[in-house]
Protein backbone atom coordinates (compact mmCIF):
# COMPACT_ATOMS: atom_id res chain seq x y z
CA MET A 1 -116.09 139.94 -31.18
CA SER A 2 -116.16 136.37 -32.26
CA ALA A 3 -116.30 133.39 -29.78
CA GLY A 4 -113.19 132.20 -31.62
CA ILE A 5 -111.23 135.29 -30.85
CA ARG A 6 -112.74 135.57 -27.08
CA SER A 7 -111.92 131.91 -26.30
CA LEU A 8 -107.90 132.53 -27.52
CA LYS A 9 -107.78 135.56 -25.16
CA ILE A 10 -109.05 133.65 -22.26
CA TYR A 11 -106.54 130.83 -22.88
CA LEU A 12 -103.58 132.99 -23.44
CA ALA A 13 -104.51 135.47 -20.00
CA LYS A 14 -104.03 131.50 -18.47
CA LEU A 15 -101.12 130.78 -19.66
CA PRO A 16 -98.32 130.18 -17.06
CA LEU A 17 -95.86 133.28 -16.17
CA LEU A 18 -92.52 132.28 -14.65
CA VAL A 19 -92.47 133.37 -11.04
CA LYS A 20 -89.57 133.99 -8.46
CA PRO A 21 -88.56 131.58 -5.81
CA ILE A 22 -89.54 131.90 -2.11
CA PRO A 23 -87.19 130.71 0.36
CA GLY A 24 -88.35 127.76 2.16
CA ILE A 25 -91.14 126.74 -0.28
CA THR A 26 -90.33 123.28 -1.57
CA LEU A 27 -89.66 123.38 -5.62
CA TYR A 28 -90.61 120.46 -7.86
CA LEU A 29 -88.26 119.66 -11.00
CA HIS A 30 -89.65 118.53 -14.24
CA ILE A 31 -87.62 117.02 -16.46
CA SER A 32 -87.88 115.75 -20.28
CA SER A 33 -85.90 114.19 -22.48
CA THR A 34 -85.57 113.24 -26.61
CA SER A 35 -83.68 111.51 -29.04
CA GLN A 36 -82.21 115.00 -29.78
CA ALA A 37 -82.86 117.85 -26.73
CA VAL A 38 -83.52 117.73 -22.78
CA SER A 39 -85.35 120.22 -21.08
CA SER A 40 -86.25 120.93 -17.37
CA GLY A 41 -88.26 123.47 -15.62
CA PRO A 42 -88.05 123.87 -11.95
CA VAL A 43 -91.50 124.53 -10.31
CA ARG A 44 -93.27 125.54 -6.73
CA GLU A 45 -96.52 125.14 -5.75
CA GLU A 46 -99.08 127.11 -4.71
CA GLU A 47 -102.58 126.24 -3.78
CA GLY A 48 -102.54 122.95 -5.75
CA ASN A 49 -101.46 124.59 -8.92
CA GLN A 50 -97.69 124.43 -10.44
CA THR A 51 -96.24 127.86 -11.65
CA PRO A 52 -93.20 127.60 -13.56
CA ILE A 53 -89.72 129.44 -12.06
CA TYR A 54 -87.32 128.83 -14.75
CA TYR A 55 -87.05 126.95 -18.25
CA VAL A 56 -83.61 124.96 -19.21
CA SER A 57 -83.18 123.49 -23.07
CA LYS A 58 -80.34 121.91 -24.79
CA VAL A 59 -80.06 120.35 -27.79
CA LEU A 60 -77.67 117.56 -27.89
CA ASN A 61 -75.09 117.18 -30.30
CA GLY A 62 -72.28 114.79 -30.77
CA ALA A 63 -71.96 111.82 -28.64
CA LYS A 64 -74.73 113.02 -26.42
CA ASN A 65 -77.37 111.88 -28.58
CA ARG A 66 -76.59 108.38 -28.38
CA TYR A 67 -76.71 108.71 -24.62
CA PRO A 68 -79.40 106.08 -22.90
CA PRO A 69 -82.51 107.73 -21.93
CA THR A 70 -81.50 107.97 -17.99
CA GLU A 71 -78.27 109.73 -18.84
CA LYS A 72 -80.21 111.86 -20.62
CA MET A 73 -82.20 112.64 -17.82
CA ALA A 74 -79.11 113.11 -15.41
CA LEU A 75 -77.70 115.36 -18.23
CA SER A 76 -80.48 117.68 -17.93
CA VAL A 77 -80.49 117.72 -14.05
CA ILE A 78 -77.22 118.57 -14.29
CA ILE A 79 -77.42 121.20 -17.02
CA THR A 80 -80.24 122.66 -14.71
CA ALA A 81 -77.90 122.77 -11.73
CA LYS A 82 -75.37 124.75 -13.13
CA LYS A 83 -77.34 127.06 -15.21
CA LEU A 84 -79.76 127.79 -12.11
CA CYS A 85 -76.74 127.72 -9.29
CA PRO A 86 -76.32 131.59 -9.24
CA TYR A 87 -80.15 132.15 -8.92
CA PHE A 88 -80.57 129.95 -5.41
CA LEU A 89 -77.36 130.99 -3.89
CA SER A 90 -78.16 134.51 -3.93
């Protein structure tokens, strides 16, 4: 097997997998916005490594494209809270 394929296999094996939230463990929310989309990902920290729990993204259209950057960030948090509410209430 060539070195390129081996390094690709090692890289793919190290990609983060989604994990479930553990009650009592602090979660962090990574948010991002561009001119046309917002996204976020709640993560939990284990032994210095952050592992993703879920990934939420939404393409913005209409008036939402013209929101200022801070409002886009807030929109990302609101969308995540609405989308993940059933998961955290169960």
